[in-house]
Protein backbone atom coordinates (compact mmCIF):
# COMPACT_ATOMS: atom_id res chain seq x y z
CA MET A 1 -9.35 -41.83 24.14
CA SER A 2 -7.27 -42.77 21.11
CA ILE A 3 -3.61 -41.79 20.95
CA ASN A 4 -2.18 -39.86 18.02
CA LYS A 5 -0.11 -42.47 16.16
CA ARG A 6 0.50 -40.53 12.96
CA VAL A 7 4.09 -41.11 11.85
CA LEU A 8 5.96 -39.22 9.14
CA VAL A 9 8.92 -40.95 7.50
CA ILE A 10 11.30 -39.01 5.25
CA ASP A 11 14.06 -40.95 3.47
CA ASP A 12 15.45 -40.91 -0.07
CA ASP A 13 15.82 -44.71 -0.11
CA GLN A 14 12.66 -46.26 -1.56
CA GLU A 15 13.46 -49.68 -0.10
CA LEU A 16 13.77 -48.21 3.35
CA LEU A 17 10.44 -46.43 2.97
CA LYS A 18 8.81 -49.77 2.12
CA THR A 19 10.51 -51.33 5.13
CA TYR A 20 9.23 -48.62 7.46
CA LYS A 21 5.69 -49.20 6.18
CA MET A 22 5.99 -52.96 6.73
CA ILE A 23 7.40 -52.55 10.25
CA PHE A 24 4.68 -50.12 11.28
CA SER A 25 1.93 -52.19 9.70
CA SER A 26 -0.20 -54.14 12.19
CA SER A 27 -0.90 -56.67 9.42
CA GLY A 28 1.42 -58.74 7.24
CA SER A 29 3.64 -61.65 8.09
CA ASN A 30 6.57 -61.45 10.43
CA GLU A 31 8.78 -62.99 7.69
CA LYS A 32 8.06 -60.13 5.28
CA LYS A 33 8.98 -57.62 7.93
CA LYS A 34 12.24 -59.45 8.67
CA THR A 35 13.10 -59.54 4.97
CA GLY A 36 12.37 -55.83 4.63
CA LEU A 37 14.53 -55.05 7.64
CA MET A 38 17.57 -56.30 5.69
CA ALA A 39 17.42 -52.98 3.85
CA PHE A 40 18.66 -51.23 7.00
CA ALA A 41 21.85 -53.22 7.26
CA ASP A 42 23.49 -56.55 6.58
CA VAL A 43 22.40 -58.16 9.85
CA ASP A 44 22.89 -61.74 10.92
CA LYS A 45 20.22 -64.09 9.57
CA LYS A 46 19.94 -65.97 12.89
CA TYR A 47 19.22 -62.62 14.57
CA LEU A 48 16.36 -62.06 12.14
CA THR A 49 15.05 -65.58 12.66
CA ASP A 50 14.89 -65.16 16.44
CA MET A 51 13.42 -61.66 16.29
CA ASP A 52 9.70 -60.97 16.66
CA ILE A 53 8.71 -57.75 14.86
CA SER A 54 4.97 -58.25 15.27
CA THR A 55 3.11 -55.39 16.96
CA GLY A 56 -0.45 -54.71 17.94
CA ASP A 57 0.05 -50.96 17.47
CA ARG A 58 -1.90 -49.38 14.64
CA PHE A 59 0.32 -46.61 13.32
CA GLU A 60 -0.77 -44.30 10.51
CA VAL A 61 2.34 -43.91 8.38
CA HIS A 62 2.96 -41.33 5.66
CA ILE A 63 6.17 -41.23 3.63
CA ALA A 64 8.20 -38.75 1.60
CA SER A 65 11.40 -39.34 -0.35
CA GLN A 66 12.75 -35.77 -0.07
CA GLY A 67 12.91 -33.18 2.69
CA GLU A 68 10.82 -30.61 0.83
CA ALA A 69 8.03 -33.14 0.25
CA GLY A 70 8.13 -34.12 3.92
CA VAL A 71 7.80 -30.49 4.98
CA GLN A 72 4.81 -30.13 2.65
CA LEU A 73 3.17 -33.21 4.19
CA ALA A 74 3.75 -31.87 7.70
CA ARG A 75 2.14 -28.56 6.77
CA GLN A 76 -0.82 -30.26 5.08
CA PHE A 77 -1.61 -32.45 8.09
CA PHE A 78 -1.04 -29.60 10.54
CA ASP A 79 -3.42 -27.33 8.62
CA ASN A 80 -6.01 -30.12 8.64
CA ASP A 81 -5.71 -30.36 12.46
CA THR A 82 -4.31 -33.89 12.17
CA PRO A 83 -0.66 -33.28 13.14
CA PHE A 84 2.04 -35.91 13.18
CA ALA A 85 3.22 -37.09 16.59
CA VAL A 86 6.67 -38.15 15.38
CA ALA A 87 8.88 -37.93 12.29
CA PHE A 88 11.68 -40.34 11.33
CA ILE A 89 14.06 -38.31 9.17
CA ASP A 90 17.16 -39.46 7.31
CA ILE A 91 20.10 -37.09 7.56
CA ARG A 92 21.31 -37.42 3.93
CA MET A 93 18.75 -37.01 1.16
CA PRO A 94 20.48 -35.70 -1.98
CA PRO A 95 19.83 -33.71 -4.08
CA GLY A 96 17.45 -31.87 -1.69
CA ILE A 97 17.80 -30.36 1.76
CA ASP A 98 19.31 -32.55 4.47
CA GLY A 99 17.55 -34.03 7.47
CA LEU A 100 18.53 -31.31 9.93
CA GLU A 101 17.18 -28.50 7.75
CA THR A 102 14.07 -30.57 7.09
CA SER A 103 13.56 -31.02 10.82
CA GLN A 104 13.96 -27.29 11.47
CA LEU A 105 11.39 -26.42 8.80
CA ILE A 106 8.93 -28.95 10.21
CA ARG A 107 9.45 -27.57 13.71
CA GLU A 108 8.61 -24.10 12.41
CA ILE A 109 5.26 -25.53 11.31
CA ASP A 110 4.59 -27.61 14.42
CA ASP A 111 6.73 -27.21 17.54
CA ARG A 112 5.08 -30.21 19.23
CA ILE A 113 6.32 -32.93 16.87
CA TYR A 114 8.92 -35.42 18.10
CA ILE A 115 11.91 -35.75 15.78
CA ILE A 116 14.01 -38.91 15.33
CA ILE A 117 17.08 -38.32 13.18
CA VAL A 118 18.13 -41.62 11.57
CA THR A 119 21.64 -41.76 10.14
CA ALA A 120 24.69 -43.88 9.48
CA TYR A 121 26.87 -40.77 9.08
CA SER A 122 28.25 -38.02 11.28
CA ASP A 123 27.32 -35.03 9.14
CA HIS A 124 26.10 -33.18 12.24
CA SER A 125 27.16 -33.66 15.86
CA ILE A 126 24.57 -34.43 18.52
CA ASP A 127 25.29 -31.01 20.05
CA GLU A 128 24.58 -29.30 16.73
CA ILE A 129 21.33 -31.23 16.29
CA GLN A 130 20.25 -30.53 19.87
CA MET A 131 21.03 -26.84 19.57
CA ALA A 132 19.10 -26.57 16.29
CA LEU A 133 15.98 -28.44 17.47
CA GLN A 134 16.18 -27.75 21.23
CA HIS A 135 13.77 -30.39 22.53
CA ASP A 136 12.15 -33.77 21.89
CA VAL A 137 14.80 -34.99 19.46
CA VAL A 138 16.60 -38.34 19.31
CA LEU A 139 19.62 -39.28 17.20
CA ALA A 140 19.27 -42.94 16.12
CA ASN A 141 22.21 -44.60 14.40
CA LYS A 142 21.72 -47.21 11.71
CA PRO A 143 21.30 -50.13 11.74
CA LEU A 144 18.04 -50.15 13.72
CA SER A 145 16.09 -53.25 14.60
CA GLY A 146 12.37 -53.42 13.99
CA ASP A 147 11.78 -53.50 17.75
CA GLU A 148 13.83 -50.33 18.17
CA ILE A 149 11.84 -48.52 15.49
CA ILE A 150 8.53 -49.57 17.04
CA GLN A 151 9.70 -48.61 20.52
CA LEU A 152 10.94 -45.20 19.39
CA ALA A 153 7.63 -44.51 17.66
CA ARG A 154 5.55 -45.79 20.56
CA ASN A 155 7.43 -43.71 23.13
CA ALA A 156 7.24 -40.59 20.96
CA CYS A 157 3.49 -41.00 20.36
CA ASN A 158 2.82 -41.59 24.05
CA SER A 159 4.94 -38.57 25.01
CA TRP A 160 3.17 -36.41 22.42
CA GLU A 161 -0.20 -37.41 23.86
CA ARG A 162 0.98 -36.78 27.42
CA ASP A 163 2.20 -33.29 26.45
CA GLN A 164 -1.16 -32.44 24.89
CA ASN A 165 -3.04 -33.67 27.96
CA ILE A 166 -0.85 -31.54 30.22
CA GLN A 167 -1.38 -28.51 28.01
CA HIS A 168 -5.14 -29.14 27.98
CA ARG A 169 -5.23 -29.35 31.78
CA GLN A 170 -3.22 -26.12 32.06
CA VAL A 171 -5.63 -24.28 29.76
CA THR A 172 -8.62 -25.68 31.67
CA LEU A 173 -7.05 -24.58 34.96
CA GLN A 174 -6.39 -21.09 33.58
CA HIS A 175 -10.03 -20.80 32.49
CA THR A 176 -11.19 -22.02 35.90
CA VAL A 177 -8.99 -19.51 37.71
CA ARG A 178 -10.18 -16.71 35.43
CA ASP A 179 -13.84 -17.62 36.01
CA GLU A 180 -13.28 -17.74 39.78
CA GLN A 181 -11.57 -14.35 39.66
CA TRP A 182 -14.56 -12.87 37.83
CA PHE A 183 -16.91 -14.50 40.34
CA LEU A 184 -14.86 -13.08 43.23
CA MET A 185 -14.94 -9.58 41.73
CA ASP A 186 -18.71 -9.81 41.21
CA LEU A 187 -19.03 -10.85 44.84
CA LEU A 188 -16.77 -8.03 46.06
CA ASN A 189 -18.67 -5.48 44.01
CA MET A 190 -21.83 -6.47 45.87
CA MET A 191 -20.22 -5.50 49.19
CA PRO A 192 -21.11 -2.04 50.55
CA LEU A 193 -17.68 -1.59 52.17
CA ALA A 194 -14.59 -0.50 50.25
CA ILE A 195 -12.21 -3.45 49.72
CA PHE A 196 -8.63 -3.15 48.45
CA ILE A 197 -6.51 -6.20 47.57
CA CYS A 198 -2.76 -5.55 47.58
CA ASN A 199 0.41 -7.56 47.15
CA PHE A 200 2.88 -8.09 49.98
CA HIS A 201 4.48 -4.70 49.27
CA GLY A 202 1.18 -2.82 49.56
CA THR A 203 0.69 -2.26 45.81
CA ILE A 204 -3.01 -2.36 44.87
CA ILE A 205 -3.86 -5.35 42.68
CA SER A 206 -7.62 -4.87 42.64
CA CYS A 207 -10.47 -3.18 44.44
CA ASN A 208 -14.25 -3.23 44.37
CA GLN A 209 -16.70 -0.61 43.17
CA ALA A 210 -17.26 0.75 46.70
CA ALA A 211 -13.52 1.48 46.94
CA TYR A 212 -13.59 3.53 43.75
CA GLN A 213 -16.58 5.45 45.03
CA LEU A 214 -14.84 6.18 48.33
CA ILE A 215 -11.56 7.55 46.96
CA GLN A 216 -13.16 9.03 43.79
CA TYR A 217 -10.04 8.37 41.70
CA PRO A 218 -10.21 7.27 38.04
CA LYS A 219 -9.72 3.50 37.84
CA LYS A 220 -6.51 3.79 35.81
CA LEU A 221 -4.92 5.80 38.67
CA VAL A 222 -5.69 3.23 41.38
CA THR A 223 -4.23 -0.16 40.51
CA LEU A 224 -0.44 -0.55 40.69
CA ASN A 225 -0.23 2.35 43.16
CA LYS A 226 0.55 1.97 46.85
CA ILE A 227 -2.43 1.73 49.21
CA THR A 228 -0.68 4.27 51.46
CA ASP A 229 -0.87 6.89 48.66
CA PHE A 230 -4.62 7.26 49.29
CA PHE A 231 -4.34 7.89 53.03
CA THR A 232 -3.13 10.78 55.15
CA ASP A 233 -2.01 10.40 58.74
CA ASP A 234 -2.12 14.11 59.55
CA GLY A 235 -3.15 14.58 63.16
CA LYS A 236 -3.06 10.86 63.95
CA SER A 237 -1.24 9.40 66.94
CA LYS A 238 1.34 6.60 66.60
CA ASP A 239 -1.42 4.08 67.39
CA GLU A 240 -3.62 5.34 64.56
CA GLY A 241 -3.50 5.81 60.81
CA ILE A 242 -2.30 3.78 57.84
CA GLY A 243 1.23 3.76 59.25
CA LYS A 244 0.03 1.74 62.22
CA VAL A 245 -1.87 -0.59 59.90
CA MET A 246 1.16 -1.34 57.72
CA GLU A 247 3.40 -1.82 60.75
CA SER A 248 0.99 -4.37 62.24
CA LEU A 249 0.59 -6.21 58.94
CA ALA A 250 4.37 -6.57 58.68
CA LYS A 251 4.15 -8.43 62.00
CA GLN A 252 1.40 -10.68 60.63
CA GLU A 253 -1.10 -9.08 63.01
CA GLU A 254 -4.78 -8.69 62.18
CA ILE A 255 -6.05 -5.13 62.12
CA ARG A 256 -9.53 -4.12 63.30
CA ASN A 257 -11.11 -0.66 63.29
CA VAL A 258 -7.97 1.49 63.17
CA PRO A 259 -8.91 5.16 62.61
CA SER A 260 -7.38 6.79 59.54
CA THR A 261 -8.19 9.32 56.83
CA ILE A 262 -8.72 8.84 53.10
CA LEU A 263 -7.56 11.66 50.83
CA THR A 264 -9.91 11.72 47.82
CA TYR A 265 -9.06 12.71 44.26
CA ASP A 266 -10.61 16.15 44.89
CA GLY A 267 -8.48 16.67 48.00
CA ASN A 268 -11.23 16.00 50.53
CA LYS A 269 -10.39 14.18 53.75
CA VAL A 270 -12.74 11.36 54.70
CA PRO A 271 -12.48 9.75 58.18
CA VAL A 272 -12.52 5.95 57.96
CA GLN A 273 -12.10 2.79 60.00
CA VAL A 274 -9.60 0.29 58.60
CA MET A 275 -9.63 -3.50 58.96
CA ALA A 276 -6.82 -5.47 57.32
CA GLY A 277 -5.19 -8.85 57.25
CA MET A 278 -2.77 -11.08 55.36
CA LEU A 279 -4.02 -13.96 53.21
CA ARG A 280 -1.99 -16.77 51.65
CA ARG A 281 -3.33 -17.64 48.17
CA CYS A 282 -1.59 -21.01 47.96
CA TYR A 283 1.44 -22.82 49.34
CA GLU A 284 3.89 -21.42 46.78
CA CYS A 285 2.24 -18.00 46.32
CA ALA A 286 3.18 -14.81 48.14
CA ASP A 287 0.84 -13.40 50.76
CA ILE A 288 -1.64 -10.70 49.85
CA MET A 289 -3.06 -7.86 51.95
CA VAL A 290 -6.80 -7.28 52.18
CA PHE A 291 -8.06 -3.89 53.38
CA ILE A 292 -11.70 -3.39 54.34
CA ILE A 293 -12.52 0.26 54.85
CA ASN A 294 -15.67 1.67 56.38
CA GLN A 295 -16.45 5.37 56.28
CA ALA A 296 -16.55 6.64 59.87
CA THR A 297 -19.82 8.07 61.13
CA SER A 298 -19.71 11.44 62.82
């Protein structure tokens, strides 16, 4: 799978824009790239001679000389579903908006983009920049070497791709869980016995069709109510009824065939047998209570 290597560069210096394009180009001689790098700063010639700026990376670079134009490019590519992975943005770009405002406007369009603020000035503190952009932002001080520029871009592109893969897996997992929940409910609805699923506090999360038929309550009055609200322990001994069931569940005990009485929506009392137990959904999830209720035969 190919990695998103679209790079947006916004700088009011035309020579620097050319230099960026040369550095990111996978073609062209190393000497031309070294010559272009002189635009960033007056660096030592021996340093340039010893430096290798060649790269096998194939970046797709798009440039803008003003913040407003850069924002327009970001919107255009985002709308075309070809977003930029990273933007190199100069902090000072007169007469237009500065780099921080440009970055904020781009983030409003696409919150996933990595921002690299490139500057030789201290117009904004790192705290101010971090507070404005919140995440995935780097402050890079000029002069930058060609290797540093390539490394910043490569890391940002790889991180962007990793973030998208994580998000894709999360969405896939959510869909899988949802499908399994629907499958489970279809399975439960096939069961002839009434089944209530409750959280650890006894609040009903879900129940099957047989449960609705037993208690005869409208569906909207069942979920988020306590399971105990639908039982009456009148006439039951201390070893019977829903009270006994809840007490045993609190001790992590399994319940089988405890006599109790359902109080229906119409006020009728229905004798039942209750089975119940605690289930752990996963290691970090709270336990749930499962009640299986069978109408007692006379």
